[in-house]
């Protein structure tokens, strides 16, 4: 028989091992490794040999384009505040799942061109990094965490209680409280890779008055995002995938860095296929859930417009 000290050591080591395995599985569940069936996870799991069109970007995509209403097999890999660095990591991680991809649709806009996604996720949204993991991006693919300064962010997101709270707050539980807003409740349409508010600008102002003010986003990653966009274009070219850019409808137009972006893309590709809907007269205030995002009513119109463009491009 084992002596008592060895037995105690063995039990302790076994307990530590079980705890580590449980913690690993717990974190995987909160980070998207588990099957929580969010719209992002559904989008990733739906990528296949049949996927012909990839919509890759930030919140303008998932609020503005419903891939299920397009005439071809398309998927939307997008989440909030996704800059070109994050989009590049998403493309690298998921491209092999779409061997017959013909067209990639990107956004030509100053937000993904300059936004600091990591700072936005950690500071503005208090540690919400779950979208990275849902999009099958490894933790160390997050550019800011490659630096030693990222260790504190890593430690913060590893803390089990914090992970549980943030996972529950943002993803693990998606139920909306009935009294979340004092004005008309917000409803969401959820599909694979698609979520859009039924609200309008009046509801937005009502919500805005009652929500806690968040820290302003930082737009200090121009060089990093510029390099990421160039690499994305090269990867798509090497795989003989057509590229086109959208500019989404806004209540008030914003053309910051637009000429710079057109010059960059034109220099890399020789031409710029950009379809600009920023000030399109088809969209009025009733088509927006906030000044920068379409609501469901607006997205139905916009999806039809995008479908016409995609079909024409694929038939050329």
C-alpha atoms as a PDB file:
ATOM      1  CA  UNK A   1       0.000   0.000   0.000  1.00  0.00           C
ATOM      2  CA  UNK A   2       1.025   3.583  -0.559  1.00  0.00           C
ATOM      3  CA  UNK A   3       2.280   5.436   2.448  1.00  0.00           C
ATOM      4  CA  UNK A   4       0.039   8.223   3.693  1.00  0.00           C
ATOM      5  CA  UNK A   5       2.224  11.152   2.434  1.00  0.00           C
ATOM      6  CA  UNK A   6       2.395   9.703  -1.089  1.00  0.00           C
ATOM      7  CA  UNK A   7      -1.338   9.061  -1.053  1.00  0.00           C
ATOM      8  CA  UNK A   8      -2.030  12.672  -0.059  1.00  0.00           C
ATOM      9  CA  UNK A   9       0.320  13.959  -2.759  1.00  0.00           C
ATOM     10  CA  UNK A  10      -1.397  11.738  -5.339  1.00  0.00           C
ATOM     11  CA  UNK A  11      -4.854  12.946  -4.324  1.00  0.00           C
ATOM     12  CA  UNK A  12      -3.665  16.567  -4.441  1.00  0.00           C
ATOM     13  CA  UNK A  13      -2.170  16.148  -7.926  1.00  0.00           C
ATOM     14  CA  UNK A  14      -5.308  14.402  -9.156  1.00  0.00           C
ATOM     15  CA  UNK A  15      -7.449  17.225  -7.777  1.00  0.00           C
ATOM     16  CA  UNK A  16      -5.232  19.806  -9.476  1.00  0.00           C
ATOM     17  CA  UNK A  17      -5.464  17.917 -12.771  1.00  0.00           C
ATOM     18  CA  UNK A  18      -9.271  17.690 -12.585  1.00  0.00           C
ATOM     19  CA  UNK A  19      -9.473  21.384 -11.719  1.00  0.00           C
ATOM     20  CA  UNK A  20      -7.251  22.328 -14.682  1.00  0.00           C
ATOM     21  CA  UNK A  21      -9.304  20.224 -17.098  1.00  0.00           C
ATOM     22  CA  UNK A  22     -12.574  21.670 -15.768  1.00  0.00           C
ATOM     23  CA  UNK A  23     -11.202  25.213 -16.026  1.00  0.00           C
ATOM     24  CA  UNK A  24     -10.002  24.586 -19.582  1.00  0.00           C
ATOM     25  CA  UNK A  25     -13.385  23.238 -20.668  1.00  0.00           C
ATOM     26  CA  UNK A  26     -15.145  26.092 -18.867  1.00  0.00           C
ATOM     27  CA  UNK A  27     -13.041  28.684 -20.684  1.00  0.00           C
ATOM     28  CA  UNK A  28     -13.548  26.923 -24.014  1.00  0.00           C
ATOM     29  CA  UNK A  29     -17.288  27.127 -23.514  1.00  0.00           C
ATOM     30  CA  UNK A  30     -17.202  30.851 -22.780  1.00  0.00           C
ATOM     31  CA  UNK A  31     -14.800  31.589 -25.622  1.00  0.00           C
ATOM     32  CA  UNK A  32     -16.772  29.894 -28.319  1.00  0.00           C
ATOM     33  CA  UNK A  33     -15.245  26.425 -28.095  1.00  0.00           C
ATOM     34  CA  UNK A  34     -18.517  25.260 -26.584  1.00  0.00           C
ATOM     35  CA  UNK A  35     -21.784  25.071 -28.513  1.00  0.00           C
ATOM     36  CA  UNK A  36     -23.670  28.159 -27.410  1.00  0.00           C
ATOM     37  CA  UNK A  37     -25.126  28.528 -30.886  1.00  0.00           C
ATOM     38  CA  UNK A  38     -24.611  32.257 -31.181  1.00  0.00           C
ATOM     39  CA  UNK A  39     -24.998  33.762 -34.612  1.00  0.00           C
ATOM     40  CA  UNK A  40     -21.195  33.928 -34.966  1.00  0.00           C
ATOM     41  CA  UNK A  41     -20.698  30.273 -34.059  1.00  0.00           C
ATOM     42  CA  UNK A  42     -23.431  29.285 -36.483  1.00  0.00           C
ATOM     43  CA  UNK A  43     -21.726  31.275 -39.210  1.00  0.00           C
ATOM     44  CA  UNK A  44     -18.359  29.621 -38.607  1.00  0.00           C
ATOM     45  CA  UNK A  45     -19.847  26.140 -38.417  1.00  0.00           C
ATOM     46  CA  UNK A  46     -21.747  26.776 -41.667  1.00  0.00           C
ATOM     47  CA  UNK A  47     -18.640  27.518 -43.738  1.00  0.00           C
ATOM     48  CA  UNK A  48     -18.202  24.779 -46.328  1.00  0.00           C
ATOM     49  CA  UNK A  49     -17.306  23.803 -49.894  1.00  0.00           C
ATOM     50  CA  UNK A  50     -20.547  25.487 -50.950  1.00  0.00           C
ATOM     51  CA  UNK A  51     -19.653  28.922 -49.564  1.00  0.00           C
ATOM     52  CA  UNK A  52     -19.119  31.210 -52.567  1.00  0.00           C
ATOM     53  CA  UNK A  53     -19.240  34.655 -50.970  1.00  0.00           C
ATOM     54  CA  UNK A  54     -17.704  35.885 -47.721  1.00  0.00           C
ATOM     55  CA  UNK A  55     -18.892  39.096 -46.071  1.00  0.00           C
ATOM     56  CA  UNK A  56     -16.038  40.092 -43.789  1.00  0.00           C
ATOM     57  CA  UNK A  57     -16.169  43.139 -41.567  1.00  0.00           C
ATOM     58  CA  UNK A  58     -17.630  44.803 -38.515  1.00  0.00           C
ATOM     59  CA  UNK A  59     -21.087  45.732 -37.237  1.00  0.00           C
ATOM     60  CA  UNK A  60     -22.194  47.409 -40.486  1.00  0.00           C
ATOM     61  CA  UNK A  61     -22.200  43.952 -42.058  1.00  0.00           C
ATOM     62  CA  UNK A  62     -24.173  42.047 -39.462  1.00  0.00           C
ATOM     63  CA  UNK A  63     -26.746  44.817 -39.112  1.00  0.00           C
ATOM     64  CA  UNK A  64     -26.915  45.660 -42.819  1.00  0.00           C
ATOM     65  CA  UNK A  65     -26.697  42.442 -44.839  1.00  0.00           C
ATOM     66  CA  UNK A  66     -28.692  39.244 -44.338  1.00  0.00           C
ATOM     67  CA  UNK A  67     -26.714  36.463 -46.086  1.00  0.00           C
ATOM     68  CA  UNK A  68     -29.707  34.116 -46.010  1.00  0.00           C
ATOM     69  CA  UNK A  69     -31.492  36.465 -48.427  1.00  0.00           C
ATOM     70  CA  UNK A  70     -28.730  36.497 -51.040  1.00  0.00           C
ATOM     71  CA  UNK A  71     -29.046  34.503 -54.259  1.00  0.00           C
ATOM     72  CA  UNK A  72     -25.789  32.633 -53.676  1.00  0.00           C
ATOM     73  CA  UNK A  73     -24.351  30.665 -50.761  1.00  0.00           C
ATOM     74  CA  UNK A  74     -22.890  33.453 -48.626  1.00  0.00           C
ATOM     75  CA  UNK A  75     -21.771  33.825 -45.040  1.00  0.00           C
ATOM     76  CA  UNK A  76     -21.243  36.808 -42.811  1.00  0.00           C
ATOM     77  CA  UNK A  77     -18.203  36.682 -40.497  1.00  0.00           C
ATOM     78  CA  UNK A  78     -18.489  39.928 -38.602  1.00  0.00           C
ATOM     79  CA  UNK A  79     -18.699  41.323 -35.121  1.00  0.00           C
ATOM     80  CA  UNK A  80     -18.593  44.735 -33.490  1.00  0.00           C
ATOM     81  CA  UNK A  81     -15.560  47.032 -33.779  1.00  0.00           C
ATOM     82  CA  UNK A  82     -13.632  44.616 -36.023  1.00  0.00           C
ATOM     83  CA  UNK A  83     -10.649  46.428 -37.518  1.00  0.00           C
ATOM     84  CA  UNK A  84      -8.599  45.219 -40.483  1.00  0.00           C
ATOM     85  CA  UNK A  85      -6.116  43.470 -38.170  1.00  0.00           C
ATOM     86  CA  UNK A  86      -8.908  41.408 -36.643  1.00  0.00           C
ATOM     87  CA  UNK A  87     -10.445  40.786 -40.067  1.00  0.00           C
ATOM     88  CA  UNK A  88      -7.093  39.511 -41.343  1.00  0.00           C
ATOM     89  CA  UNK A  89      -6.863  37.044 -38.439  1.00  0.00           C
ATOM     90  CA  UNK A  90     -10.443  35.933 -39.139  1.00  0.00           C
ATOM     91  CA  UNK A  91      -9.672  35.387 -42.825  1.00  0.00           C
ATOM     92  CA  UNK A  92      -6.501  33.394 -42.121  1.00  0.00           C
ATOM     93  CA  UNK A  93      -8.262  31.170 -39.607  1.00  0.00           C
ATOM     94  CA  UNK A  94     -11.311  30.387 -41.747  1.00  0.00           C
ATOM     95  CA  UNK A  95     -10.250  30.563 -45.402  1.00  0.00           C
ATOM     96  CA  UNK A  96      -9.371  26.852 -45.624  1.00  0.00           C
ATOM     97  CA  UNK A  97     -12.991  25.998 -44.731  1.00  0.00           C
ATOM     98  CA  UNK A  98     -14.158  27.677 -47.971  1.00  0.00           C
ATOM     99  CA  UNK A  99     -12.151  26.040 -50.791  1.00  0.00           C
ATOM    100  CA  UNK A 100     -14.587  27.250 -53.466  1.00  0.00           C
ATOM    101  CA  UNK A 101     -14.833  30.856 -52.286  1.00  0.00           C
ATOM    102  CA  UNK A 102     -15.231  33.171 -55.284  1.00  0.00           C
ATOM    103  CA  UNK A 103     -15.845  36.608 -53.815  1.00  0.00           C
ATOM    104  CA  UNK A 104     -14.931  38.474 -50.627  1.00  0.00           C
ATOM    105  CA  UNK A 105     -16.827  41.629 -49.713  1.00  0.00           C
ATOM    106  CA  UNK A 106     -15.021  44.117 -47.452  1.00  0.00           C
ATOM    107  CA  UNK A 107     -15.797  47.577 -46.136  1.00  0.00           C
ATOM    108  CA  UNK A 108     -13.844  50.635 -47.259  1.00  0.00           C
ATOM    109  CA  UNK A 109     -14.094  52.858 -44.214  1.00  0.00           C
ATOM    110  CA  UNK A 110     -11.973  54.811 -41.746  1.00  0.00           C
ATOM    111  CA  UNK A 111     -13.235  52.851 -38.720  1.00  0.00           C
ATOM    112  CA  UNK A 112     -11.628  49.456 -39.511  1.00  0.00           C
ATOM    113  CA  UNK A 113      -8.694  51.414 -40.961  1.00  0.00           C
ATOM    114  CA  UNK A 114      -7.832  53.222 -37.728  1.00  0.00           C
ATOM    115  CA  UNK A 115      -9.685  51.544 -34.835  1.00  0.00           C
ATOM    116  CA  UNK A 116      -7.816  49.919 -31.958  1.00  0.00           C
ATOM    117  CA  UNK A 117     -10.003  46.812 -31.585  1.00  0.00           C
ATOM    118  CA  UNK A 118      -8.182  45.363 -28.600  1.00  0.00           C
ATOM    119  CA  UNK A 119      -8.466  48.585 -26.603  1.00  0.00           C
ATOM    120  CA  UNK A 120     -12.092  48.905 -27.669  1.00  0.00           C
ATOM    121  CA  UNK A 121     -12.935  45.356 -26.527  1.00  0.00           C
ATOM    122  CA  UNK A 122     -11.028  45.516 -23.229  1.00  0.00           C
ATOM    123  CA  UNK A 123     -11.600  49.084 -22.070  1.00  0.00           C
ATOM    124  CA  UNK A 124     -14.770  50.276 -23.753  1.00  0.00           C
ATOM    125  CA  UNK A 125     -16.594  46.965 -23.413  1.00  0.00           C
ATOM    126  CA  UNK A 126     -14.865  45.826 -20.216  1.00  0.00           C
ATOM    127  CA  UNK A 127     -13.062  42.688 -21.269  1.00  0.00           C
ATOM    128  CA  UNK A 128     -15.346  41.388 -24.006  1.00  0.00           C
ATOM    129  CA  UNK A 129     -12.928  39.363 -26.157  1.00  0.00           C
ATOM    130  CA  UNK A 130     -15.305  36.476 -26.738  1.00  0.00           C
ATOM    131  CA  UNK A 131     -15.917  37.364 -30.380  1.00  0.00           C
ATOM    132  CA  UNK A 132     -12.310  36.541 -31.176  1.00  0.00           C
ATOM    133  CA  UNK A 133     -12.742  33.001 -29.963  1.00  0.00           C
ATOM    134  CA  UNK A 134     -16.149  32.521 -31.581  1.00  0.00           C
ATOM    135  CA  UNK A 135     -14.537  33.403 -34.917  1.00  0.00           C
ATOM    136  CA  UNK A 136     -11.990  30.608 -34.411  1.00  0.00           C
ATOM    137  CA  UNK A 137      -9.132  33.011 -33.744  1.00  0.00           C
ATOM    138  CA  UNK A 138      -6.485  31.770 -31.353  1.00  0.00           C
ATOM    139  CA  UNK A 139      -5.923  33.950 -28.297  1.00  0.00           C
ATOM    140  CA  UNK A 140      -2.384  34.802 -29.384  1.00  0.00           C
ATOM    141  CA  UNK A 141      -3.598  35.921 -32.810  1.00  0.00           C
ATOM    142  CA  UNK A 142      -4.758  39.096 -31.082  1.00  0.00           C
ATOM    143  CA  UNK A 143      -1.985  41.486 -32.155  1.00  0.00           C
ATOM    144  CA  UNK A 144      -1.842  43.548 -28.967  1.00  0.00           C
ATOM    145  CA  UNK A 145      -1.294  40.468 -26.839  1.00  0.00           C
ATOM    146  CA  UNK A 146       1.903  39.600 -28.678  1.00  0.00           C
ATOM    147  CA  UNK A 147       3.521  42.400 -26.712  1.00  0.00           C
ATOM    148  CA  UNK A 148       4.561  42.086 -23.094  1.00  0.00           C
ATOM    149  CA  UNK A 149       2.130  44.863 -22.161  1.00  0.00           C
ATOM    150  CA  UNK A 150      -0.655  42.512 -23.147  1.00  0.00           C
ATOM    151  CA  UNK A 151       0.075  40.191 -20.231  1.00  0.00           C
ATOM    152  CA  UNK A 152      -2.171  42.125 -17.861  1.00  0.00           C
ATOM    153  CA  UNK A 153      -5.024  41.922 -20.361  1.00  0.00           C
ATOM    154  CA  UNK A 154      -4.379  38.195 -20.717  1.00  0.00           C
ATOM    155  CA  UNK A 155      -4.402  37.779 -16.931  1.00  0.00           C
ATOM    156  CA  UNK A 156      -7.594  39.799 -16.664  1.00  0.00           C
ATOM    157  CA  UNK A 157      -9.399  37.618 -19.184  1.00  0.00           C
ATOM    158  CA  UNK A 158      -8.087  34.395 -17.612  1.00  0.00           C
ATOM    159  CA  UNK A 159      -9.603  35.109 -14.211  1.00  0.00           C
ATOM    160  CA  UNK A 160     -12.406  32.518 -13.916  1.00  0.00           C
ATOM    161  CA  UNK A 161     -14.951  34.677 -12.105  1.00  0.00           C
ATOM    162  CA  UNK A 162     -14.396  37.572 -14.516  1.00  0.00           C
ATOM    163  CA  UNK A 163     -14.619  35.204 -17.461  1.00  0.00           C
ATOM    164  CA  UNK A 164     -17.898  33.873 -16.144  1.00  0.00           C
ATOM    165  CA  UNK A 165     -19.345  37.327 -15.580  1.00  0.00           C
ATOM    166  CA  UNK A 166     -18.223  38.644 -18.962  1.00  0.00           C
ATOM    167  CA  UNK A 167     -19.261  35.490 -20.759  1.00  0.00           C
ATOM    168  CA  UNK A 168     -22.683  35.679 -19.189  1.00  0.00           C
ATOM    169  CA  UNK A 169     -22.942  39.399 -19.809  1.00  0.00           C
ATOM    170  CA  UNK A 170     -22.028  39.290 -23.466  1.00  0.00           C
ATOM    171  CA  UNK A 171     -22.509  35.826 -24.884  1.00  0.00           C
ATOM    172  CA  UNK A 172     -23.171  32.824 -22.660  1.00  0.00           C
ATOM    173  CA  UNK A 173     -26.665  34.090 -21.864  1.00  0.00           C
ATOM    174  CA  UNK A 174     -28.346  36.201 -24.533  1.00  0.00           C
ATOM    175  CA  UNK A 175     -31.663  36.773 -22.815  1.00  0.00           C
ATOM    176  CA  UNK A 176     -32.602  40.439 -22.683  1.00  0.00           C
ATOM    177  CA  UNK A 177     -34.131  41.835 -19.526  1.00  0.00           C
ATOM    178  CA  UNK A 178     -37.639  43.197 -20.087  1.00  0.00           C
ATOM    179  CA  UNK A 179     -36.789  46.305 -18.119  1.00  0.00           C
ATOM    180  CA  UNK A 180     -33.391  46.766 -19.762  1.00  0.00           C
ATOM    181  CA  UNK A 181     -34.597  50.060 -21.166  1.00  0.00           C
ATOM    182  CA  UNK A 182     -37.310  52.299 -19.828  1.00  0.00           C
ATOM    183  CA  UNK A 183     -38.444  53.021 -23.371  1.00  0.00           C
ATOM    184  CA  UNK A 184     -39.759  50.515 -25.905  1.00  0.00           C
ATOM    185  CA  UNK A 185     -37.855  47.199 -25.555  1.00  0.00           C
ATOM    186  CA  UNK A 186     -35.302  46.435 -28.212  1.00  0.00           C
ATOM    187  CA  UNK A 187     -35.835  43.281 -30.269  1.00  0.00           C
ATOM    188  CA  UNK A 188     -33.260  41.406 -32.285  1.00  0.00           C
ATOM    189  CA  UNK A 189     -33.435  39.262 -35.366  1.00  0.00           C
ATOM    190  CA  UNK A 190     -30.804  36.557 -35.014  1.00  0.00           C
ATOM    191  CA  UNK A 191     -29.524  34.382 -37.849  1.00  0.00           C
ATOM    192  CA  UNK A 192     -26.174  32.897 -38.730  1.00  0.00           C
ATOM    193  CA  UNK A 193     -23.765  35.815 -38.701  1.00  0.00           C
ATOM    194  CA  UNK A 194     -26.556  38.373 -38.711  1.00  0.00           C
ATOM    195  CA  UNK A 195     -28.191  40.501 -36.074  1.00  0.00           C
ATOM    196  CA  UNK A 196     -30.129  43.695 -36.586  1.00  0.00           C
ATOM    197  CA  UNK A 197     -32.248  45.935 -34.407  1.00  0.00           C
ATOM    198  CA  UNK A 198     -35.878  46.709 -35.165  1.00  0.00           C
ATOM    199  CA  UNK A 199     -35.379  50.074 -33.492  1.00  0.00           C
ATOM    200  CA  UNK A 200     -35.245  53.508 -35.036  1.00  0.00           C
ATOM    201  CA  UNK A 201     -33.381  56.730 -34.270  1.00  0.00           C
ATOM    202  CA  UNK A 202     -35.993  57.798 -31.727  1.00  0.00           C
ATOM    203  CA  UNK A 203     -35.490  54.552 -29.801  1.00  0.00           C
ATOM    204  CA  UNK A 204     -31.732  55.013 -30.100  1.00  0.00           C
ATOM    205  CA  UNK A 205     -31.872  58.419 -28.422  1.00  0.00           C
ATOM    206  CA  UNK A 206     -34.099  56.951 -25.719  1.00  0.00           C
ATOM    207  CA  UNK A 207     -31.631  54.125 -25.061  1.00  0.00           C
ATOM    208  CA  UNK A 208     -28.651  56.457 -25.204  1.00  0.00           C
ATOM    209  CA  UNK A 209     -30.009  58.580 -22.366  1.00  0.00           C
ATOM    210  CA  UNK A 210     -30.330  55.542 -20.095  1.00  0.00           C
ATOM    211  CA  UNK A 211     -27.170  53.646 -20.891  1.00  0.00           C
ATOM    212  CA  UNK A 212     -23.957  53.995 -18.968  1.00  0.00           C
ATOM    213  CA  UNK A 213     -21.528  56.196 -20.885  1.00  0.00           C
ATOM    214  CA  UNK A 214     -18.650  54.141 -22.247  1.00  0.00           C
ATOM    215  CA  UNK A 215     -15.099  55.284 -22.776  1.00  0.00           C
ATOM    216  CA  UNK A 216     -14.354  56.663 -26.220  1.00  0.00           C
ATOM    217  CA  UNK A 217     -12.783  54.283 -28.706  1.00  0.00           C
ATOM    218  CA  UNK A 218      -9.177  54.826 -29.767  1.00  0.00           C
ATOM    219  CA  UNK A 219      -8.346  55.294 -33.428  1.00  0.00           C
ATOM    220  CA  UNK A 220      -4.574  54.989 -33.247  1.00  0.00           C
ATOM    221  CA  UNK A 221      -3.830  51.845 -35.252  1.00  0.00           C
ATOM    222  CA  UNK A 222      -3.588  53.241 -38.780  1.00  0.00           C
ATOM    223  CA  UNK A 223      -0.220  51.704 -39.669  1.00  0.00           C
ATOM    224  CA  UNK A 224      -1.133  48.280 -38.264  1.00  0.00           C
ATOM    225  CA  UNK A 225      -4.499  48.225 -40.016  1.00  0.00           C
ATOM    226  CA  UNK A 226      -2.996  49.493 -43.251  1.00  0.00           C
ATOM    227  CA  UNK A 227      -0.502  46.611 -43.282  1.00  0.00           C
ATOM    228  CA  UNK A 228      -3.254  44.135 -42.386  1.00  0.00           C
ATOM    229  CA  UNK A 229      -5.461  45.337 -45.232  1.00  0.00           C
ATOM    230  CA  UNK A 230      -2.593  44.967 -47.705  1.00  0.00           C
ATOM    231  CA  UNK A 231      -1.910  41.429 -46.479  1.00  0.00           C
ATOM    232  CA  UNK A 232      -5.609  40.576 -46.745  1.00  0.00           C
ATOM    233  CA  UNK A 233      -5.678  41.763 -50.349  1.00  0.00           C
ATOM    234  CA  UNK A 234      -2.597  39.683 -51.160  1.00  0.00           C
ATOM    235  CA  UNK A 235      -4.072  36.536 -49.604  1.00  0.00           C
ATOM    236  CA  UNK A 236      -7.300  36.930 -51.546  1.00  0.00           C
ATOM    237  CA  UNK A 237      -5.424  37.604 -54.780  1.00  0.00           C
ATOM    238  CA  UNK A 238      -3.180  34.574 -54.303  1.00  0.00           C
ATOM    239  CA  UNK A 239      -6.270  32.415 -53.887  1.00  0.00           C
ATOM    240  CA  UNK A 240      -7.904  33.974 -56.979  1.00  0.00           C
ATOM    241  CA  UNK A 241     -10.798  35.373 -54.978  1.00  0.00           C
ATOM    242  CA  UNK A 242     -12.522  38.470 -56.339  1.00  0.00           C
ATOM    243  CA  UNK A 243     -12.622  41.492 -54.023  1.00  0.00           C
ATOM    244  CA  UNK A 244     -15.145  44.265 -53.789  1.00  0.00           C
ATOM    245  CA  UNK A 245     -15.716  46.998 -51.233  1.00  0.00           C
ATOM    246  CA  UNK A 246     -18.878  48.500 -49.781  1.00  0.00           C
ATOM    247  CA  UNK A 247     -19.516  51.831 -48.137  1.00  0.00           C
ATOM    248  CA  UNK A 248     -22.580  51.488 -45.970  1.00  0.00           C
ATOM    249  CA  UNK A 249     -25.472  53.936 -45.568  1.00  0.00           C
ATOM    250  CA  UNK A 250     -25.136  56.508 -42.790  1.00  0.00           C
ATOM    251  CA  UNK A 251     -27.403  59.253 -41.527  1.00  0.00           C
ATOM    252  CA  UNK A 252     -24.516  61.693 -41.959  1.00  0.00           C
ATOM    253  CA  UNK A 253     -21.689  60.870 -44.376  1.00  0.00           C
ATOM    254  CA  UNK A 254     -18.111  60.487 -43.169  1.00  0.00           C
ATOM    255  CA  UNK A 255     -15.316  60.345 -45.752  1.00  0.00           C
ATOM    256  CA  UNK A 256     -12.256  60.409 -43.474  1.00  0.00           C
ATOM    257  CA  UNK A 257      -9.283  58.576 -45.041  1.00  0.00           C
ATOM    258  CA  UNK A 258     -11.408  57.602 -48.057  1.00  0.00           C
ATOM    259  CA  UNK A 259      -8.931  58.936 -50.637  1.00  0.00           C
ATOM    260  CA  UNK A 260      -6.045  57.278 -48.790  1.00  0.00           C
ATOM    261  CA  UNK A 261      -7.903  53.957 -48.777  1.00  0.00           C
ATOM    262  CA  UNK A 262      -8.747  54.184 -52.463  1.00  0.00           C
ATOM    263  CA  UNK A 263      -5.115  54.934 -53.295  1.00  0.00           C
ATOM    264  CA  UNK A 264      -3.944  51.996 -51.174  1.00  0.00           C
ATOM    265  CA  UNK A 265      -6.382  49.500 -52.704  1.00  0.00           C
ATOM    266  CA  UNK A 266      -5.840  50.834 -56.211  1.00  0.00           C
ATOM    267  CA  UNK A 267      -2.096  50.528 -55.800  1.00  0.00           C
ATOM    268  CA  UNK A 268      -2.359  46.913 -54.664  1.00  0.00           C
ATOM    269  CA  UNK A 269      -5.093  45.685 -56.992  1.00  0.00           C
ATOM    270  CA  UNK A 270      -4.783  48.019 -59.962  1.00  0.00           C
ATOM    271  CA  UNK A 271      -8.453  48.974 -59.592  1.00  0.00           C
ATOM    272  CA  UNK A 272     -10.907  49.735 -56.806  1.00  0.00           C
ATOM    273  CA  UNK A 273     -14.309  48.073 -56.947  1.00  0.00           C
ATOM    274  CA  UNK A 274     -16.136  50.157 -54.392  1.00  0.00           C
ATOM    275  CA  UNK A 275     -19.916  50.565 -54.203  1.00  0.00           C
ATOM    276  CA  UNK A 276     -20.752  53.657 -52.186  1.00  0.00           C
ATOM    277  CA  UNK A 277     -24.163  53.811 -50.480  1.00  0.00           C
ATOM    278  CA  UNK A 278     -23.176  56.245 -47.757  1.00  0.00           C
ATOM    279  CA  UNK A 279     -25.545  59.020 -48.882  1.00  0.00           C
ATOM    280  CA  UNK A 280     -27.942  56.898 -50.928  1.00  0.00           C
ATOM    281  CA  UNK A 281     -31.383  58.603 -51.089  1.00  0.00           C
ATOM    282  CA  UNK A 282     -33.137  55.237 -50.683  1.00  0.00           C
ATOM    283  CA  UNK A 283     -32.418  55.390 -46.951  1.00  0.00           C
ATOM    284  CA  UNK A 284     -34.152  57.774 -44.585  1.00  0.00           C
ATOM    285  CA  UNK A 285     -34.069  58.084 -40.814  1.00  0.00           C
ATOM    286  CA  UNK A 286     -36.700  55.357 -40.499  1.00  0.00           C
ATOM    287  CA  UNK A 287     -34.172  52.863 -41.893  1.00  0.00           C
ATOM    288  CA  UNK A 288     -31.590  53.316 -39.120  1.00  0.00           C
ATOM    289  CA  UNK A 289     -31.344  51.952 -35.582  1.00  0.00           C
ATOM    290  CA  UNK A 290     -28.627  54.516 -34.782  1.00  0.00           C
ATOM    291  CA  UNK A 291     -26.766  57.113 -36.878  1.00  0.00           C
ATOM    292  CA  UNK A 292     -24.383  54.490 -38.310  1.00  0.00           C
ATOM    293  CA  UNK A 293     -26.344  51.215 -38.475  1.00  0.00           C
ATOM    294  CA  UNK A 294     -29.338  50.062 -40.463  1.00  0.00           C
ATOM    295  CA  UNK A 295     -32.318  48.514 -38.724  1.00  0.00           C
ATOM    296  CA  UNK A 296     -34.178  45.505 -40.144  1.00  0.00           C
ATOM    297  CA  UNK A 297     -36.301  47.687 -42.421  1.00  0.00           C
ATOM    298  CA  UNK A 298     -33.163  49.278 -43.849  1.00  0.00           C
ATOM    299  CA  UNK A 299     -31.256  46.017 -44.054  1.00  0.00           C
ATOM    300  CA  UNK A 300     -33.961  44.410 -46.201  1.00  0.00           C
ATOM    301  CA  UNK A 301     -33.509  47.162 -48.794  1.00  0.00           C
ATOM    302  CA  UNK A 302     -29.739  47.141 -48.555  1.00  0.00           C
ATOM    303  CA  UNK A 303     -29.479  43.341 -48.788  1.00  0.00           C
ATOM    304  CA  UNK A 304     -31.385  43.499 -52.069  1.00  0.00           C
ATOM    305  CA  UNK A 305     -28.941  46.085 -53.414  1.00  0.00           C
ATOM    306  CA  UNK A 306     -25.927  44.048 -52.316  1.00  0.00           C
ATOM    307  CA  UNK A 307     -27.436  40.933 -53.872  1.00  0.00           C
ATOM    308  CA  UNK A 308     -27.692  42.662 -57.256  1.00  0.00           C
ATOM    309  CA  UNK A 309     -24.027  43.660 -57.050  1.00  0.00           C
ATOM    310  CA  UNK A 310     -22.857  40.184 -56.025  1.00  0.00           C
ATOM    311  CA  UNK A 311     -24.816  38.407 -58.748  1.00  0.00           C
ATOM    312  CA  UNK A 312     -23.459  40.796 -61.378  1.00  0.00           C
ATOM    313  CA  UNK A 313     -19.867  40.347 -60.163  1.00  0.00           C
ATOM    314  CA  UNK A 314     -20.091  36.553 -60.135  1.00  0.00           C
ATOM    315  CA  UNK A 315     -21.574  36.498 -63.639  1.00  0.00           C
ATOM    316  CA  UNK A 316     -18.876  38.715 -65.168  1.00  0.00           C
END
